[in-house]
Amino acid sequence: MFGRDMSTRKLSLATVGLVLGFYFWEWCSYMFLAKPPIGWSIVFNAVLFMSVWSYLQTVWTDPGTSRCPEWRAWSEARAASGAEPAQKTTKEDKPDRRRSWDAGRAATWCPECDAERPQRAHHCKETGVCIMRMDHYCPWIGNCVGFRNHKYFLLMNFWTFWACTIWLGTMNEPSPLQAMNEFLDGKGDAEPAVGAIIAVVFWAVTGGMFCHATSMVYRNFTTIEEFLPGSNPYQLDSGSENAKQVLGSMDWRIFFPIPPLDAGTGTDYPLRSDTTLSAAAAGEDYGSCEEGLETA
């Protein structure tokens, strides 16, 4: 939704509308085409509400472009301090120079944007802008997953997985399996069967995505950085400290798609102690990754 031409933006809006339509279909099929227990109906509605809220937060939140408050504050602070400009790079630079760690430098240079950017920021070729701590571009949200909406992306997967689990486990008359069997035998309606298929697909995809994304967060990797050579200089000794950079303080707020507390600025990150010492001793210079990945 950010930094793109109008035709691509319309396609993203259509995709978001399609996904919201899936959520609505699951709600209708559960509430009106089956007979779940009243208690589970209440729980399902609460969990589905959290799913949709998290999804919309992921879609509409600026993931960390140069227009966000954190980036602007970083840029203004550099200008006020008279900091030395970042070393310029070009699109013709060697691949190993542009696809390696960039640890400890206050700013890097994006040849596509021809501008400075904070450390761990990467250029997204889908949106045409750099994103702070970019993880990946997700076509199902029509947006990048970055520093400012990564928490919401995790919650979207978490709550959707549980909404589908409740849907599949508590739907009665027909049950999901009965609905599909009766439809295949030509004896039942298509609506419950379609709802069951969507629920199974969403259950598998969001469950897998949540497990993978959470493991990455606790190791302080992004999807882009996972493919960089060498050890991760940002991986701290404590998994909770790594996760705090995305989820904020580990309290009740972690379960709600609201801005995290104490997650940092997204423009600078502490380094692993041995990385800091070795880099300082060797005067090591790290490159940067330029291209975003197109994963869901």
Protein backbone atom coordinates (compact mmCIF):
# COMPACT_ATOMS: atom_id res chain seq x y z
CA MET A 1 0.00 0.00 0.00
CA PHE A 2 2.99 2.29 0.36
CA GLY A 3 5.19 3.75 -2.38
CA ARG A 4 3.64 2.06 -5.43
CA ASP A 5 1.95 3.06 -8.70
CA MET A 6 -1.82 3.23 -8.95
CA SER A 7 -2.34 0.02 -10.95
CA THR A 8 -0.39 -2.06 -8.43
CA ARG A 9 -2.20 -0.37 -5.58
CA LYS A 10 -5.56 -1.33 -7.07
CA LEU A 11 -4.40 -4.94 -7.38
CA SER A 12 -3.34 -4.92 -3.73
CA LEU A 13 -6.70 -3.51 -2.66
CA ALA A 14 -8.44 -6.26 -4.63
CA THR A 15 -6.31 -8.90 -2.89
CA VAL A 16 -7.08 -7.44 0.52
CA GLY A 17 -10.78 -7.43 -0.37
CA LEU A 18 -10.54 -11.09 -1.37
CA VAL A 19 -8.90 -12.09 1.92
CA LEU A 20 -11.49 -10.13 3.91
CA GLY A 21 -14.11 -11.97 1.87
CA PHE A 22 -12.62 -15.28 3.01
CA TYR A 23 -12.86 -14.17 6.64
CA PHE A 24 -16.48 -13.12 6.11
CA TRP A 25 -17.33 -16.43 4.42
CA GLU A 26 -15.90 -18.38 7.33
CA TRP A 27 -17.94 -16.33 9.78
CA CYS A 28 -21.16 -16.82 7.81
CA SER A 29 -20.64 -20.54 7.26
CA TYR A 30 -19.89 -21.08 10.94
CA MET A 31 -22.71 -18.96 12.33
CA PHE A 32 -25.52 -19.70 9.86
CA LEU A 33 -24.80 -22.98 8.06
CA ALA A 34 -23.89 -25.10 11.07
CA LYS A 35 -24.94 -25.47 14.68
CA PRO A 36 -21.92 -24.87 16.92
CA PRO A 37 -22.40 -24.74 20.71
CA ILE A 38 -23.22 -21.24 21.91
CA GLY A 39 -20.10 -21.07 24.07
CA TRP A 40 -17.82 -21.89 21.17
CA SER A 41 -19.68 -19.38 19.00
CA ILE A 42 -18.73 -16.62 21.43
CA VAL A 43 -15.11 -17.76 21.55
CA PHE A 44 -14.96 -18.06 17.76
CA ASN A 45 -16.29 -14.54 17.25
CA ALA A 46 -13.75 -13.12 19.69
CA VAL A 47 -10.83 -14.94 18.07
CA LEU A 48 -11.98 -14.09 14.53
CA PHE A 49 -12.26 -10.43 15.54
CA MET A 50 -8.64 -10.51 16.71
CA SER A 51 -7.66 -12.15 13.41
CA VAL A 52 -9.29 -9.48 11.26
CA TRP A 53 -8.04 -6.66 13.48
CA SER A 54 -4.48 -7.99 13.23
CA TYR A 55 -4.82 -8.41 9.46
CA LEU A 56 -6.01 -4.84 8.94
CA GLN A 57 -3.24 -3.51 11.15
CA THR A 58 -0.70 -5.40 9.05
CA VAL A 59 -2.20 -4.02 5.84
CA TRP A 60 -2.62 -0.36 6.77
CA THR A 61 0.41 0.25 8.99
CA ASP A 62 3.42 1.90 7.35
CA PRO A 63 6.00 -0.92 7.65
CA GLY A 64 8.88 1.53 8.03
CA THR A 65 9.25 3.76 4.98
CA SER A 66 11.09 7.09 4.92
CA ARG A 67 7.78 8.79 5.74
CA CYS A 68 7.34 7.12 9.13
CA PRO A 69 8.17 9.07 12.34
CA GLU A 70 11.11 6.84 13.31
CA TRP A 71 12.88 7.28 9.98
CA ARG A 72 12.28 11.04 10.00
CA ALA A 73 13.65 11.39 13.53
CA TRP A 74 16.74 9.39 12.52
CA SER A 75 17.30 11.51 9.42
CA GLU A 76 16.87 14.78 11.33
CA ALA A 77 19.25 13.63 14.05
CA ARG A 78 21.93 12.78 11.47
CA ALA A 79 21.52 16.15 9.79
CA ALA A 80 21.71 18.00 13.12
CA SER A 81 24.84 16.13 14.22
CA GLY A 82 26.65 16.65 10.93
CA ALA A 83 27.27 12.91 10.60
CA GLU A 84 29.44 11.69 7.77
CA PRO A 85 27.31 10.57 4.79
CA ALA A 86 27.01 6.87 4.07
CA GLN A 87 29.35 5.35 1.52
CA LYS A 88 27.60 5.40 -1.82
CA THR A 89 27.07 2.18 -3.75
CA THR A 90 25.75 1.54 -7.22
CA LYS A 91 23.64 -1.13 -8.86
CA GLU A 92 26.78 -2.39 -10.60
CA ASP A 93 28.59 -3.21 -7.34
CA LYS A 94 29.67 -6.81 -6.89
CA PRO A 95 26.90 -9.08 -5.57
CA ASP A 96 28.95 -10.10 -2.52
CA ARG A 97 29.29 -6.43 -1.60
CA ARG A 98 25.56 -5.87 -1.75
CA ARG A 99 24.49 -9.12 -0.08
CA SER A 100 26.36 -9.37 3.17
CA TRP A 101 25.85 -8.18 6.74
CA ASP A 102 25.92 -4.46 7.44
CA ALA A 103 26.41 -4.50 11.20
CA GLY A 104 27.26 -1.50 13.33
CA ARG A 105 27.09 1.22 10.68
CA ALA A 106 24.82 4.16 11.44
CA ALA A 107 23.68 4.48 7.82
CA THR A 108 23.92 2.65 4.52
CA TRP A 109 23.28 3.72 0.95
CA CYS A 110 20.51 2.47 -1.32
CA PRO A 111 21.46 2.76 -5.00
CA GLU A 112 17.86 2.23 -6.10
CA CYS A 113 16.55 5.14 -3.98
CA ASP A 114 19.88 7.03 -4.26
CA ALA A 115 19.58 7.95 -0.59
CA GLU A 116 20.74 7.06 2.90
CA ARG A 117 18.85 4.60 5.04
CA PRO A 118 19.16 3.14 8.57
CA GLN A 119 20.99 -0.11 9.24
CA ARG A 120 18.99 -3.29 8.51
CA ALA A 121 16.78 -1.35 6.08
CA HIS A 122 16.38 -3.00 2.68
CA HIS A 123 14.93 -2.02 -0.66
CA CYS A 124 11.66 -3.64 -1.75
CA LYS A 125 11.38 -3.98 -5.49
CA GLU A 126 7.60 -4.46 -5.26
CA THR A 127 6.90 -1.13 -3.53
CA GLY A 128 9.98 0.69 -4.82
CA VAL A 129 11.02 2.02 -1.41
CA CYS A 130 13.31 1.02 1.44
CA ILE A 131 11.76 -0.50 4.56
CA MET A 132 13.20 -0.46 8.08
CA ARG A 133 14.14 -4.01 9.16
CA MET A 134 12.30 -5.36 6.15
CA ASP A 135 11.31 -9.03 6.44
CA HIS A 136 9.53 -9.70 3.16
CA TYR A 137 6.84 -8.48 0.79
CA CYS A 138 3.57 -10.34 1.29
CA PRO A 139 1.09 -10.22 -1.61
CA TRP A 140 -1.77 -11.34 0.68
CA ILE A 141 -1.53 -8.11 2.65
CA GLY A 142 -0.45 -5.96 -0.31
CA ASN A 143 2.31 -4.56 1.87
CA CYS A 144 5.79 -5.23 3.18
CA VAL A 145 6.37 -6.76 6.59
CA GLY A 146 8.85 -4.51 8.35
CA PHE A 147 9.77 -2.99 11.69
CA ARG A 148 6.45 -1.24 12.29
CA ASN A 149 4.01 -4.04 11.37
CA HIS A 150 5.99 -7.25 11.99
CA LYS A 151 4.23 -7.81 15.31
CA TYR A 152 0.83 -7.49 13.62
CA PHE A 153 1.88 -10.02 10.97
CA LEU A 154 2.73 -12.55 13.68
CA LEU A 155 -0.57 -11.94 15.45
CA MET A 156 -2.52 -12.25 12.21
CA ASN A 157 -1.09 -15.73 11.72
CA PHE A 158 -1.52 -16.66 15.39
CA TRP A 159 -5.15 -15.61 15.73
CA THR A 160 -6.17 -16.90 12.29
CA PHE A 161 -4.68 -20.31 13.08
CA TRP A 162 -6.76 -20.53 16.27
CA ALA A 163 -9.91 -19.23 14.56
CA CYS A 164 -9.57 -22.02 11.97
CA THR A 165 -8.85 -24.57 14.70
CA ILE A 166 -12.08 -23.62 16.49
CA TRP A 167 -14.00 -23.62 13.21
CA LEU A 168 -12.81 -27.11 12.30
CA GLY A 169 -13.09 -28.55 15.79
CA THR A 170 -16.50 -27.30 16.88
CA MET A 171 -18.63 -27.05 13.73
CA ASN A 172 -21.62 -29.45 13.88
CA GLU A 173 -24.46 -30.64 11.65
CA PRO A 174 -22.61 -30.99 9.41
CA SER A 175 -19.09 -31.38 10.69
CA PRO A 176 -16.34 -30.27 8.28
CA LEU A 177 -15.65 -33.85 7.20
CA GLN A 178 -19.34 -34.60 6.73
CA ALA A 179 -19.80 -31.42 4.71
CA MET A 180 -17.03 -32.36 2.29
CA ASN A 181 -18.14 -36.00 2.00
CA GLU A 182 -21.77 -35.07 1.36
CA PHE A 183 -20.76 -32.47 -1.22
CA LEU A 184 -18.55 -34.96 -3.08
CA ASP A 185 -21.39 -37.50 -3.02
CA GLY A 186 -23.79 -34.89 -4.38
CA LYS A 187 -25.98 -35.05 -1.28
CA GLY A 188 -25.00 -31.84 0.48
CA ASP A 189 -24.68 -28.10 -0.10
CA ALA A 190 -21.47 -26.58 -1.39
CA GLU A 191 -21.31 -23.72 1.12
CA PRO A 192 -20.21 -25.72 4.21
CA ALA A 193 -17.75 -27.72 2.12
CA VAL A 194 -16.17 -24.56 0.70
CA GLY A 195 -15.94 -23.16 4.22
CA ALA A 196 -14.19 -26.33 5.40
CA ILE A 197 -11.68 -26.22 2.54
CA ILE A 198 -10.85 -22.56 3.21
CA ALA A 199 -10.48 -23.27 6.93
CA VAL A 200 -8.09 -26.17 6.31
CA VAL A 201 -5.95 -24.12 3.93
CA PHE A 202 -5.82 -21.10 6.26
CA TRP A 203 -5.12 -23.38 9.23
CA ALA A 204 -2.13 -25.00 7.54
CA VAL A 205 -0.67 -21.82 6.03
CA THR A 206 -1.03 -19.55 9.06
CA GLY A 207 0.11 -22.23 11.49
CA GLY A 208 3.24 -22.91 9.48
CA MET A 209 3.94 -19.22 8.94
CA PHE A 210 3.54 -18.44 12.63
CA CYS A 211 5.95 -21.17 13.72
CA HIS A 212 8.56 -20.18 11.14
CA ALA A 213 8.24 -16.43 11.72
CA THR A 214 8.37 -16.80 15.49
CA SER A 215 11.54 -18.88 15.33
CA MET A 216 13.08 -16.17 13.14
CA VAL A 217 12.11 -13.44 15.58
CA TYR A 218 13.62 -15.29 18.54
CA ARG A 219 16.87 -15.69 16.57
CA ASN A 220 16.78 -12.04 15.40
CA PHE A 221 16.70 -12.88 11.70
CA THR A 222 14.58 -11.41 8.95
CA THR A 223 13.65 -13.46 5.88
CA ILE A 224 16.17 -11.46 3.86
CA GLU A 225 18.95 -11.84 6.43
CA GLU A 226 18.41 -15.59 6.70
CA PHE A 227 20.18 -15.99 3.36
CA LEU A 228 23.18 -13.76 4.15
CA PRO A 229 26.53 -15.53 4.62
CA GLY A 230 28.21 -15.79 8.00
CA SER A 231 26.86 -15.63 11.54
CA ASN A 232 24.17 -13.16 12.54
CA PRO A 233 25.80 -10.20 14.35
CA TYR A 234 22.39 -9.08 15.66
CA GLN A 235 21.50 -12.37 17.37
CA LEU A 236 21.73 -11.64 21.09
CA ASP A 237 22.28 -14.34 23.70
CA SER A 238 18.71 -14.08 25.02
CA GLY A 239 15.82 -15.07 22.80
CA SER A 240 13.51 -12.77 24.75
CA GLU A 241 15.78 -9.80 24.04
CA ASN A 242 15.73 -10.69 20.35
CA ALA A 243 11.93 -10.97 20.34
CA LYS A 244 11.57 -7.69 22.24
CA GLN A 245 12.84 -5.81 19.18
CA VAL A 246 9.69 -6.92 17.34
CA LEU A 247 7.09 -7.65 20.02
CA GLY A 248 8.09 -5.12 22.67
CA SER A 249 7.83 -5.81 26.38
CA MET A 250 6.52 -9.28 27.22
CA ASP A 251 3.22 -8.35 28.87
CA TRP A 252 -0.49 -8.49 28.04
CA ARG A 253 0.01 -6.15 25.07
CA ILE A 254 1.82 -8.87 23.19
CA PHE A 255 -1.51 -10.53 22.28
CA PHE A 256 -3.13 -7.40 20.83
CA PRO A 257 -2.35 -5.68 17.51
CA ILE A 258 -1.35 -2.42 19.18
CA PRO A 259 2.04 -0.68 18.95
CA PRO A 260 4.64 -2.51 21.06
CA LEU A 261 6.37 -0.79 23.97
CA ASP A 262 10.17 -0.66 24.27
CA ALA A 263 10.74 -2.23 20.86
CA GLY A 264 13.36 0.37 19.97
CA THR A 265 13.48 2.90 17.17
CA GLY A 266 14.02 0.49 14.28
CA THR A 267 17.02 2.52 13.10
CA ASP A 268 19.79 1.04 15.26
CA TYR A 269 20.30 -2.34 16.90
CA PRO A 270 22.65 -3.75 19.53
CA LEU A 271 25.23 -6.22 18.30
CA ARG A 272 26.26 -9.53 19.78
CA SER A 273 29.15 -8.88 22.19
CA ASP A 274 31.72 -10.96 20.31
CA THR A 275 30.68 -9.35 17.01
CA THR A 276 31.16 -5.87 18.45
CA LEU A 277 34.65 -6.70 19.69
CA SER A 278 35.80 -8.47 16.55
CA ALA A 279 34.41 -5.83 14.23
CA ALA A 280 35.98 -3.02 16.22
CA ALA A 281 39.35 -4.79 16.32
CA ALA A 282 39.41 -5.61 12.63
CA GLY A 283 37.73 -2.45 11.38
CA GLU A 284 35.36 -4.73 9.55
CA ASP A 285 33.04 -3.25 6.93
CA TYR A 286 29.80 -5.04 6.14
CA GLY A 287 27.80 -4.76 2.96
CA SER A 288 24.04 -4.73 2.61
CA CYS A 289 21.28 -6.69 0.95
CA GLU A 290 19.32 -4.75 -1.61
CA GLU A 291 16.53 -6.98 -2.89
CA GLY A 292 13.37 -7.94 -1.00
CA LEU A 293 11.92 -11.42 -1.22
CA GLU A 294 8.43 -12.13 -2.45
CA THR A 295 7.15 -14.58 0.12
CA ALA A 296 3.76 -14.81 1.74
